[in-house]
Structure formats: C-alpha cells, structure tokens
Amino acid sequence: MSLHDRLYRRRVRIDECGEVKDKTVNISRTAKVVKGGRRFGFSALIIAGDGRGHVGYGLGKSNEVPDAIRKGGEQAHKSMIRVPLKGSTIPHDVVGKFGPTSIMIKPGSPGTGVIAGSAVRIILEAVGVKDIRTKITGSSNPYNVLYATFNALLALREPEFIASGRNASLEELGYAPY
C-alpha cells in the first residue's frame, strides 16, 4: 500500500484539529531556458500541525514564492492525519523508509527534548512531540526525509489497538495505563 493510500485511510477533518500552524520546510527554485532568457519556477514543501497530534504536508508549485507557499499550505490542511502520542513522546520505536532514506524514531524520557535534524524536527514539533530521538540514514534530501518520516508516523500504533489485536490487556503487555 502506498504512502498516499495510507494517508487517505488515516486522514482527519480540519475542523477536528485545533489552531493549525504552517511551517515551511523547503523552497526550491527551478529554471527553464527560453528564447528571451530564463523562466523561474518555485516549489514549496509545507508542514501544517496543531501541536496536539495532528499533522499534514503539502507541496505547492508556482511561478511566485508566495503562491507556492499558499498552495502547499492548502494541500497540507487537506492531508492532516492523527498521530498517536504517549504524553510528550510516541508510544514505541519505529522505522520509516522511503527510497534511499531511512529514519529511526525512538521515544525519549521527559526532558530529552527533540533530538532531530532537518525536516524531521519541523514535522515532530508540528505534531506536538517534546521528547524524542531520531536518526536519518541514507539521503538527507528534504522530500525523501519528509516521506520517510510520514511512513514512520503512519506505522505507529496505540497500545490499546495492539492489546485488542492480541486479545490481551494492557497490563499483560507491560503497558501502564496512561
């Protein structure tokens, strides 16, 4: 199942989220050589999150930077998903992969902070995670990192879901109720 199919299945409506803030991850410039010179185009990678477990991303393209950012923001608001959180961190370790990029995300104890680089930090802060450790291996291209991070976030499962699938209680699995 592709990333877009999994995003669609886990999508939430924008009115379910709180106040959504947009952050720009990357702005790229492309050039097309024509008879009269160069024509520039811009693409903007935007993250939208409410800081309470909802996040989305969008890619906007236009001949002007503000238009690209606006389009990316609109797309990010439409693609919001819910991420399971356990306090100020995630419930368990997870690995996300996309192309040559692999990202490992581990929960952190209170006071750890957000130990992450590049696009991962922006995504996790938009989700509302305060204590986490990450490691990127392979390519650090912002697009690949973003897709790998979303693959990892989509792989997260809540302890209640795991316990119901195994017909066990949270205490039998070693989880203290939170």
N, C-alpha and C. Protein backbone atom coordinates (compact mmCIF):
# COMPACT_ATOMS: atom_id res chain seq x y z
N MET A 1 0.85 -1.17 0.00
CA MET A 1 0.00 0.00 0.00
C MET A 1 0.90 1.24 0.00
N SER A 2 0.61 2.18 -0.85
CA SER A 2 1.47 3.36 -0.99
C SER A 2 1.23 4.34 0.16
N LEU A 3 2.15 5.29 0.27
CA LEU A 3 2.05 6.31 1.32
C LEU A 3 0.75 7.09 1.18
N HIS A 4 0.37 7.45 -0.03
CA HIS A 4 -0.84 8.24 -0.23
C HIS A 4 -2.09 7.47 0.16
N ASP A 5 -2.13 6.15 -0.10
CA ASP A 5 -3.27 5.35 0.30
C ASP A 5 -3.38 5.30 1.82
N ARG A 6 -2.24 5.13 2.50
CA ARG A 6 -2.25 5.06 3.96
C ARG A 6 -2.62 6.41 4.56
N LEU A 7 -2.16 7.51 3.95
CA LEU A 7 -2.55 8.83 4.42
C LEU A 7 -4.05 9.02 4.31
N TYR A 8 -4.64 8.58 3.20
CA TYR A 8 -6.06 8.74 2.98
C TYR A 8 -6.87 7.98 4.03
N ARG A 9 -6.41 6.80 4.42
CA ARG A 9 -7.15 6.00 5.37
C ARG A 9 -7.09 6.59 6.78
N ARG A 10 -6.05 7.37 7.10
CA ARG A 10 -5.87 7.89 8.44
C ARG A 10 -6.17 9.38 8.53
N ARG A 11 -6.75 9.94 7.50
CA ARG A 11 -6.98 11.37 7.42
C ARG A 11 -8.03 11.83 8.42
N VAL A 12 -7.89 13.07 8.91
CA VAL A 12 -8.88 13.68 9.80
C VAL A 12 -9.38 14.96 9.15
N ARG A 13 -10.56 15.39 9.57
CA ARG A 13 -11.09 16.65 9.05
C ARG A 13 -10.41 17.80 9.76
N ILE A 14 -10.27 18.90 9.06
CA ILE A 14 -9.57 20.07 9.61
C ILE A 14 -10.31 20.64 10.81
N ASP A 15 -11.65 20.50 10.86
CA ASP A 15 -12.39 21.06 11.99
C ASP A 15 -12.20 20.24 13.26
N GLU A 16 -11.62 19.02 13.17
CA GLU A 16 -11.32 18.22 14.34
C GLU A 16 -10.04 18.71 15.02
N CYS A 17 -9.23 19.46 14.30
CA CYS A 17 -7.96 19.95 14.81
C CYS A 17 -8.16 21.29 15.52
N GLY A 18 -7.18 21.65 16.32
CA GLY A 18 -7.20 22.95 16.97
C GLY A 18 -6.70 24.01 16.01
N GLU A 19 -5.97 24.98 16.54
CA GLU A 19 -5.40 26.04 15.72
C GLU A 19 -4.21 25.46 14.95
N VAL A 20 -4.31 25.44 13.64
CA VAL A 20 -3.29 24.83 12.78
C VAL A 20 -2.29 25.90 12.35
N LYS A 21 -1.00 25.57 12.51
CA LYS A 21 0.07 26.48 12.10
C LYS A 21 0.85 25.86 10.95
N ASP A 22 1.22 26.68 9.99
CA ASP A 22 2.01 26.22 8.84
C ASP A 22 3.48 26.56 9.05
N LYS A 23 4.35 25.64 8.62
CA LYS A 23 5.78 25.88 8.64
C LYS A 23 6.37 25.46 7.31
N THR A 24 7.30 26.24 6.80
CA THR A 24 7.94 25.94 5.53
C THR A 24 9.17 25.09 5.77
N VAL A 25 9.24 23.93 5.11
CA VAL A 25 10.38 23.04 5.23
C VAL A 25 11.44 23.38 4.19
N ASN A 26 11.01 23.59 2.95
CA ASN A 26 11.96 23.79 1.87
C ASN A 26 11.32 24.56 0.74
N ILE A 27 12.10 25.45 0.11
CA ILE A 27 11.66 26.13 -1.10
C ILE A 27 12.72 25.88 -2.16
N SER A 28 12.31 25.32 -3.29
CA SER A 28 13.23 25.01 -4.38
C SER A 28 12.94 25.90 -5.57
N ARG A 29 14.00 26.26 -6.29
CA ARG A 29 13.85 27.08 -7.49
C ARG A 29 14.30 26.28 -8.70
N THR A 30 13.50 26.31 -9.74
CA THR A 30 13.87 25.66 -10.99
C THR A 30 13.93 26.72 -12.09
N ALA A 31 14.70 26.44 -13.12
CA ALA A 31 14.83 27.40 -14.22
C ALA A 31 14.59 26.71 -15.54
N LYS A 32 13.87 27.38 -16.42
CA LYS A 32 13.63 26.89 -17.76
C LYS A 32 14.19 27.94 -18.72
N VAL A 33 15.08 27.53 -19.58
CA VAL A 33 15.69 28.48 -20.51
C VAL A 33 14.80 28.58 -21.75
N VAL A 34 14.37 29.81 -22.04
CA VAL A 34 13.53 30.08 -23.21
C VAL A 34 14.24 31.12 -24.08
N LYS A 35 13.62 31.47 -25.16
CA LYS A 35 14.22 32.40 -26.13
C LYS A 35 14.62 33.74 -25.49
N GLY A 36 13.79 34.24 -24.60
CA GLY A 36 14.06 35.55 -24.01
C GLY A 36 14.89 35.51 -22.74
N GLY A 37 15.29 34.35 -22.30
CA GLY A 37 16.08 34.25 -21.06
C GLY A 37 15.61 33.06 -20.23
N ARG A 38 15.66 33.23 -18.90
CA ARG A 38 15.26 32.14 -18.00
C ARG A 38 13.91 32.43 -17.38
N ARG A 39 13.11 31.38 -17.24
CA ARG A 39 11.84 31.46 -16.51
C ARG A 39 12.02 30.66 -15.23
N PHE A 40 11.74 31.28 -14.10
CA PHE A 40 11.92 30.61 -12.83
C PHE A 40 10.59 30.10 -12.30
N GLY A 41 10.65 28.93 -11.69
CA GLY A 41 9.50 28.34 -11.02
C GLY A 41 9.92 27.97 -9.61
N PHE A 42 8.96 27.91 -8.69
CA PHE A 42 9.27 27.62 -7.30
C PHE A 42 8.36 26.51 -6.80
N SER A 43 8.92 25.66 -5.94
CA SER A 43 8.11 24.66 -5.25
C SER A 43 8.38 24.80 -3.76
N ALA A 44 7.33 24.72 -2.97
CA ALA A 44 7.43 24.89 -1.51
C ALA A 44 6.87 23.65 -0.82
N LEU A 45 7.63 23.14 0.13
CA LEU A 45 7.22 22.00 0.94
C LEU A 45 6.77 22.55 2.29
N ILE A 46 5.49 22.35 2.62
CA ILE A 46 4.87 22.96 3.79
C ILE A 46 4.36 21.89 4.74
N ILE A 47 4.54 22.11 6.05
CA ILE A 47 4.01 21.24 7.10
C ILE A 47 2.96 22.04 7.87
N ALA A 48 1.82 21.42 8.15
CA ALA A 48 0.77 22.03 8.96
C ALA A 48 0.50 21.13 10.15
N GLY A 49 0.44 21.70 11.34
CA GLY A 49 0.18 20.91 12.54
C GLY A 49 -0.45 21.76 13.62
N ASP A 50 -1.18 21.08 14.53
CA ASP A 50 -1.83 21.81 15.61
C ASP A 50 -1.10 21.63 16.94
N GLY A 51 -0.04 20.82 16.98
CA GLY A 51 0.70 20.61 18.22
C GLY A 51 0.01 19.67 19.18
N ARG A 52 -1.06 19.01 18.75
CA ARG A 52 -1.79 18.08 19.61
C ARG A 52 -2.05 16.75 18.91
N GLY A 53 -1.10 16.32 18.05
CA GLY A 53 -1.21 15.01 17.43
C GLY A 53 -1.75 15.00 16.02
N HIS A 54 -1.93 16.17 15.40
CA HIS A 54 -2.40 16.23 14.02
C HIS A 54 -1.36 16.93 13.16
N VAL A 55 -1.05 16.34 12.00
CA VAL A 55 -0.04 16.92 11.11
C VAL A 55 -0.37 16.54 9.68
N GLY A 56 0.05 17.40 8.74
CA GLY A 56 -0.14 17.14 7.32
C GLY A 56 0.96 17.84 6.54
N TYR A 57 1.15 17.42 5.29
CA TYR A 57 2.15 18.06 4.45
C TYR A 57 1.56 18.39 3.10
N GLY A 58 2.16 19.38 2.44
CA GLY A 58 1.70 19.77 1.11
C GLY A 58 2.85 20.28 0.28
N LEU A 59 2.73 20.09 -1.02
CA LEU A 59 3.72 20.57 -1.97
C LEU A 59 3.01 21.52 -2.93
N GLY A 60 3.45 22.78 -2.93
CA GLY A 60 2.85 23.77 -3.80
C GLY A 60 3.85 24.24 -4.83
N LYS A 61 3.41 24.40 -6.07
CA LYS A 61 4.29 24.87 -7.15
C LYS A 61 3.65 26.07 -7.83
N SER A 62 4.51 27.05 -8.15
CA SER A 62 4.03 28.24 -8.83
C SER A 62 5.22 29.02 -9.37
N ASN A 63 4.92 30.08 -10.13
CA ASN A 63 5.97 30.96 -10.64
C ASN A 63 6.40 31.99 -9.60
N GLU A 64 5.64 32.13 -8.52
CA GLU A 64 5.94 33.06 -7.45
C GLU A 64 6.01 32.31 -6.13
N VAL A 65 6.92 32.71 -5.23
CA VAL A 65 7.10 32.03 -3.94
C VAL A 65 5.85 32.10 -3.07
N PRO A 66 5.21 33.27 -2.88
CA PRO A 66 4.02 33.31 -2.02
C PRO A 66 2.89 32.41 -2.50
N ASP A 67 2.71 32.32 -3.82
CA ASP A 67 1.66 31.44 -4.35
C ASP A 67 2.00 29.98 -4.08
N ALA A 68 3.26 29.61 -4.22
CA ALA A 68 3.67 28.23 -3.95
C ALA A 68 3.45 27.89 -2.48
N ILE A 69 3.77 28.81 -1.58
CA ILE A 69 3.57 28.58 -0.15
C ILE A 69 2.08 28.46 0.16
N ARG A 70 1.25 29.31 -0.43
CA ARG A 70 -0.19 29.24 -0.19
C ARG A 70 -0.77 27.91 -0.66
N LYS A 71 -0.38 27.49 -1.88
CA LYS A 71 -0.88 26.21 -2.41
C LYS A 71 -0.43 25.04 -1.56
N GLY A 72 0.82 25.06 -1.13
CA GLY A 72 1.32 23.99 -0.26
C GLY A 72 0.59 23.96 1.07
N GLY A 73 0.29 25.13 1.62
CA GLY A 73 -0.45 25.20 2.88
C GLY A 73 -1.86 24.64 2.75
N GLU A 74 -2.53 24.96 1.65
CA GLU A 74 -3.87 24.42 1.42
C GLU A 74 -3.84 22.90 1.33
N GLN A 75 -2.85 22.37 0.61
CA GLN A 75 -2.74 20.92 0.46
C GLN A 75 -2.40 20.27 1.81
N ALA A 76 -1.57 20.93 2.62
CA ALA A 76 -1.21 20.40 3.93
C ALA A 76 -2.43 20.32 4.84
N HIS A 77 -3.30 21.31 4.78
CA HIS A 77 -4.51 21.30 5.61
C HIS A 77 -5.44 20.17 5.20
N LYS A 78 -5.47 19.85 3.92
CA LYS A 78 -6.35 18.78 3.44
C LYS A 78 -5.83 17.39 3.78
N SER A 79 -4.52 17.25 3.97
CA SER A 79 -3.94 15.93 4.18
C SER A 79 -3.58 15.66 5.64
N MET A 80 -4.28 16.28 6.59
CA MET A 80 -3.98 16.11 8.01
C MET A 80 -4.28 14.68 8.46
N ILE A 81 -3.36 14.12 9.27
CA ILE A 81 -3.56 12.80 9.86
C ILE A 81 -3.40 12.91 11.37
N ARG A 82 -3.89 11.90 12.08
CA ARG A 82 -3.74 11.84 13.53
C ARG A 82 -2.58 10.92 13.86
N VAL A 83 -1.72 11.36 14.77
CA VAL A 83 -0.56 10.59 15.20
C VAL A 83 -0.76 10.21 16.66
N PRO A 84 -0.67 8.91 17.01
CA PRO A 84 -0.83 8.52 18.42
C PRO A 84 0.35 9.01 19.25
N LEU A 85 0.05 9.66 20.38
CA LEU A 85 1.08 10.16 21.28
C LEU A 85 0.91 9.53 22.65
N LYS A 86 2.01 9.46 23.37
CA LYS A 86 2.00 8.97 24.75
C LYS A 86 2.64 10.06 25.60
N GLY A 87 1.82 10.94 26.11
CA GLY A 87 2.34 12.10 26.84
C GLY A 87 3.00 13.06 25.87
N SER A 88 4.30 13.30 26.06
CA SER A 88 5.02 14.22 25.20
C SER A 88 5.92 13.49 24.21
N THR A 89 5.70 12.19 24.02
CA THR A 89 6.51 11.40 23.10
C THR A 89 5.62 10.43 22.33
N ILE A 90 6.24 9.46 21.66
CA ILE A 90 5.48 8.46 20.89
C ILE A 90 5.41 7.16 21.68
N PRO A 91 4.49 6.25 21.36
CA PRO A 91 4.33 5.05 22.16
C PRO A 91 5.45 4.01 22.02
N HIS A 92 6.12 3.93 20.87
CA HIS A 92 7.13 2.89 20.68
C HIS A 92 8.11 3.29 19.59
N ASP A 93 9.22 2.52 19.48
CA ASP A 93 10.21 2.75 18.43
C ASP A 93 9.59 2.45 17.07
N VAL A 94 10.05 3.17 16.05
CA VAL A 94 9.52 2.94 14.71
C VAL A 94 10.59 3.33 13.69
N VAL A 95 10.56 2.65 12.55
CA VAL A 95 11.48 2.96 11.45
C VAL A 95 10.64 3.25 10.21
N GLY A 96 10.97 4.33 9.52
CA GLY A 96 10.29 4.68 8.28
C GLY A 96 11.29 4.71 7.14
N LYS A 97 10.87 4.24 5.99
CA LYS A 97 11.75 4.20 4.83
C LYS A 97 11.05 4.80 3.62
N PHE A 98 11.83 5.49 2.80
CA PHE A 98 11.34 5.97 1.52
C PHE A 98 12.54 6.12 0.61
N GLY A 99 12.56 5.36 -0.46
CA GLY A 99 13.69 5.42 -1.39
C GLY A 99 14.99 5.11 -0.67
N PRO A 100 16.02 5.95 -0.83
CA PRO A 100 17.30 5.70 -0.17
C PRO A 100 17.35 6.18 1.27
N THR A 101 16.28 6.79 1.75
CA THR A 101 16.27 7.37 3.09
C THR A 101 15.59 6.45 4.08
N SER A 102 16.23 6.31 5.24
CA SER A 102 15.66 5.54 6.34
C SER A 102 15.76 6.40 7.59
N ILE A 103 14.69 6.43 8.38
CA ILE A 103 14.69 7.22 9.61
C ILE A 103 14.22 6.37 10.77
N MET A 104 14.99 6.42 11.85
CA MET A 104 14.66 5.69 13.07
C MET A 104 14.19 6.71 14.10
N ILE A 105 13.02 6.47 14.68
CA ILE A 105 12.45 7.37 15.68
C ILE A 105 12.24 6.59 16.96
N LYS A 106 12.80 7.11 18.07
CA LYS A 106 12.68 6.46 19.37
C LYS A 106 12.08 7.42 20.38
N PRO A 107 11.21 6.93 21.26
CA PRO A 107 10.66 7.80 22.29
C PRO A 107 11.76 8.23 23.26
N GLY A 108 11.60 9.40 23.82
CA GLY A 108 12.57 9.92 24.78
C GLY A 108 11.93 10.08 26.14
N SER A 109 12.75 10.01 27.19
CA SER A 109 12.24 10.23 28.53
C SER A 109 11.99 11.73 28.72
N PRO A 110 11.16 12.11 29.67
CA PRO A 110 10.87 13.53 29.87
C PRO A 110 12.16 14.33 30.10
N GLY A 111 12.29 15.44 29.39
CA GLY A 111 13.46 16.29 29.48
C GLY A 111 14.48 16.05 28.38
N THR A 112 14.24 15.06 27.52
CA THR A 112 15.17 14.76 26.43
C THR A 112 15.20 15.87 25.40
N GLY A 113 14.06 16.39 25.06
CA GLY A 113 13.96 17.39 24.00
C GLY A 113 13.79 16.73 22.66
N VAL A 114 13.78 17.52 21.61
CA VAL A 114 13.63 17.00 20.25
C VAL A 114 15.03 16.90 19.64
N ILE A 115 15.55 15.68 19.61
CA ILE A 115 16.86 15.44 19.02
C ILE A 115 16.61 14.96 17.60
N ALA A 116 16.60 15.90 16.66
CA ALA A 116 16.30 15.59 15.27
C ALA A 116 16.90 16.67 14.39
N GLY A 117 17.09 16.34 13.14
CA GLY A 117 17.66 17.30 12.22
C GLY A 117 16.76 17.52 11.03
N SER A 118 17.05 18.55 10.28
CA SER A 118 16.41 18.91 9.02
C SER A 118 14.89 18.92 9.13
N ALA A 119 14.22 18.26 8.20
CA ALA A 119 12.76 18.31 8.12
C ALA A 119 12.09 17.55 9.27
N VAL A 120 12.79 16.59 9.86
CA VAL A 120 12.19 15.77 10.91
C VAL A 120 11.81 16.64 12.11
N ARG A 121 12.68 17.56 12.50
CA ARG A 121 12.41 18.44 13.64
C ARG A 121 11.13 19.25 13.41
N ILE A 122 10.98 19.81 12.23
CA ILE A 122 9.80 20.63 11.93
C ILE A 122 8.53 19.78 12.02
N ILE A 123 8.58 18.56 11.48
CA ILE A 123 7.41 17.68 11.49
C ILE A 123 7.04 17.30 12.92
N LEU A 124 8.02 16.86 13.70
CA LEU A 124 7.74 16.40 15.06
C LEU A 124 7.27 17.55 15.96
N GLU A 125 7.81 18.75 15.77
CA GLU A 125 7.33 19.89 16.55
C GLU A 125 5.91 20.26 16.15
N ALA A 126 5.57 20.10 14.87
CA ALA A 126 4.20 20.38 14.43
C ALA A 126 3.22 19.37 15.01
N VAL A 127 3.66 18.12 15.20
CA VAL A 127 2.81 17.10 15.81
C VAL A 127 2.57 17.43 17.28
N GLY A 128 3.58 17.98 17.95
CA GLY A 128 3.46 18.29 19.37
C GLY A 128 4.35 17.42 20.24
N VAL A 129 5.29 16.73 19.63
CA VAL A 129 6.21 15.87 20.37
C VAL A 129 7.27 16.76 21.02
N LYS A 130 7.56 16.49 22.31
CA LYS A 130 8.55 17.30 23.03
C LYS A 130 9.81 16.50 23.38
N ASP A 131 9.70 15.17 23.50
CA ASP A 131 10.83 14.33 23.90
C ASP A 131 10.97 13.18 22.91
N ILE A 132 12.02 13.22 22.09
CA ILE A 132 12.18 12.18 21.07
C ILE A 132 13.61 12.18 20.56
N ARG A 133 14.06 11.02 20.04
CA ARG A 133 15.38 10.88 19.43
C ARG A 133 15.20 10.31 18.03
N THR A 134 15.93 10.84 17.06
CA THR A 134 15.81 10.36 15.69
C THR A 134 17.19 10.21 15.07
N LYS A 135 17.26 9.38 14.03
CA LYS A 135 18.49 9.22 13.26
C LYS A 135 18.11 8.99 11.81
N ILE A 136 18.68 9.81 10.91
CA ILE A 136 18.46 9.65 9.47
C ILE A 136 19.66 8.95 8.88
N THR A 137 19.42 7.90 8.09
CA THR A 137 20.50 7.25 7.35
C THR A 137 20.14 7.28 5.87
N GLY A 138 21.15 7.35 5.04
CA GLY A 138 20.91 7.44 3.61
C GLY A 138 20.82 8.90 3.18
N SER A 139 19.98 9.17 2.23
CA SER A 139 19.84 10.51 1.67
C SER A 139 19.18 11.46 2.66
N SER A 140 19.64 12.71 2.71
CA SER A 140 19.02 13.71 3.57
C SER A 140 18.24 14.74 2.74
N ASN A 141 17.85 14.36 1.54
CA ASN A 141 17.00 15.20 0.69
C ASN A 141 15.70 15.48 1.45
N PRO A 142 15.28 16.76 1.57
CA PRO A 142 14.10 17.08 2.38
C PRO A 142 12.83 16.34 1.96
N TYR A 143 12.65 16.11 0.67
CA TYR A 143 11.45 15.40 0.22
C TYR A 143 11.48 13.95 0.69
N ASN A 144 12.62 13.27 0.51
CA ASN A 144 12.73 11.88 0.95
C ASN A 144 12.60 11.77 2.47
N VAL A 145 13.20 12.71 3.20
CA VAL A 145 13.12 12.69 4.66
C VAL A 145 11.67 12.88 5.10
N LEU A 146 10.95 13.79 4.46
CA LEU A 146 9.55 14.02 4.81
C LEU A 146 8.72 12.76 4.59
N TYR A 147 8.85 12.14 3.43
CA TYR A 147 8.06 10.94 3.14
C TYR A 147 8.44 9.79 4.06
N ALA A 148 9.72 9.62 4.38
CA ALA A 148 10.15 8.57 5.31
C ALA A 148 9.59 8.83 6.70
N THR A 149 9.58 10.09 7.13
CA THR A 149 9.04 10.42 8.45
C THR A 149 7.54 10.15 8.51
N PHE A 150 6.82 10.48 7.46
CA PHE A 150 5.38 10.19 7.46
C PHE A 150 5.12 8.69 7.41
N ASN A 151 5.96 7.93 6.71
CA ASN A 151 5.82 6.47 6.74
C ASN A 151 6.01 5.95 8.16
N ALA A 152 6.98 6.52 8.89
CA ALA A 152 7.20 6.10 10.27
C ALA A 152 6.01 6.49 11.16
N LEU A 153 5.50 7.70 11.01
CA LEU A 153 4.37 8.14 11.83
C LEU A 153 3.12 7.31 11.55
N LEU A 154 2.95 6.90 10.30
CA LEU A 154 1.79 6.06 9.95
C LEU A 154 1.94 4.64 10.49
N ALA A 155 3.17 4.22 10.80
CA ALA A 155 3.39 2.88 11.34
C ALA A 155 3.16 2.82 12.84
N LEU A 156 3.00 3.97 13.49
CA LEU A 156 2.76 3.99 14.93
C LEU A 156 1.38 3.41 15.25
N ARG A 157 1.34 2.61 16.31
CA ARG A 157 0.08 2.02 16.77
C ARG A 157 -0.09 2.33 18.25
N GLU A 158 -1.33 2.53 18.67
CA GLU A 158 -1.61 2.77 20.07
C GLU A 158 -1.60 1.45 20.83
N PRO A 159 -1.17 1.46 22.11
CA PRO A 159 -1.14 0.22 22.89
C PRO A 159 -2.49 -0.47 22.99
N GLU A 160 -3.57 0.30 23.03
CA GLU A 160 -4.90 -0.30 23.10
C GLU A 160 -5.21 -1.11 21.85
N PHE A 161 -4.78 -0.62 20.68
CA PHE A 161 -5.00 -1.31 19.42
C PHE A 161 -4.22 -2.62 19.38
N ILE A 162 -2.99 -2.59 19.84
CA ILE A 162 -2.15 -3.80 19.87
C ILE A 162 -2.74 -4.82 20.84
N ALA A 163 -3.17 -4.37 22.02
CA ALA A 163 -3.75 -5.28 23.01
C ALA A 163 -5.03 -5.92 22.50
N SER A 164 -5.88 -5.16 21.81
CA SER A 164 -7.12 -5.74 21.30
C SER A 164 -6.83 -6.75 20.19
N GLY A 165 -5.82 -6.53 19.41
CA GLY A 165 -5.45 -7.48 18.36
C GLY A 165 -4.90 -8.79 18.91
N ARG A 166 -4.30 -8.73 20.08
CA ARG A 166 -3.73 -9.93 20.71
C ARG A 166 -4.65 -10.53 21.76
N ASN A 167 -5.83 -9.96 21.95
CA ASN A 167 -6.79 -10.40 22.96
C ASN A 167 -6.14 -10.44 24.34
N ALA A 168 -5.45 -9.36 24.69
CA ALA A 168 -4.77 -9.25 25.97
C ALA A 168 -5.06 -7.87 26.57
N SER A 169 -4.77 -7.75 27.84
CA SER A 169 -4.94 -6.44 28.48
C SER A 169 -3.63 -5.66 28.40
N LEU A 170 -3.71 -4.37 28.67
CA LEU A 170 -2.51 -3.53 28.64
C LEU A 170 -1.49 -3.97 29.68
N GLU A 171 -1.97 -4.41 30.84
CA GLU A 171 -1.06 -4.86 31.90
C GLU A 171 -0.31 -6.13 31.49
N GLU A 172 -0.98 -7.03 30.76
CA GLU A 172 -0.31 -8.26 30.29
C GLU A 172 0.79 -7.95 29.28
N LEU A 173 0.65 -6.87 28.54
CA LEU A 173 1.66 -6.49 27.57
C LEU A 173 2.76 -5.63 28.17
N GLY A 174 2.59 -5.25 29.45
CA GLY A 174 3.61 -4.45 30.11
C GLY A 174 3.41 -2.96 30.01
N TYR A 175 2.23 -2.53 29.58
CA TYR A 175 1.94 -1.10 29.48
C TYR A 175 1.18 -0.67 30.73
N ALA A 176 1.62 0.41 31.31
CA ALA A 176 0.84 1.01 32.40
C ALA A 176 -0.18 1.93 31.73
N PRO A 177 -1.43 1.91 32.17
CA PRO A 177 -2.42 2.79 31.52
C PRO A 177 -2.02 4.24 31.69
N TYR A 178 -2.22 5.01 30.64
CA TYR A 178 -1.90 6.45 30.69
C TYR A 178 -3.07 7.27 30.28
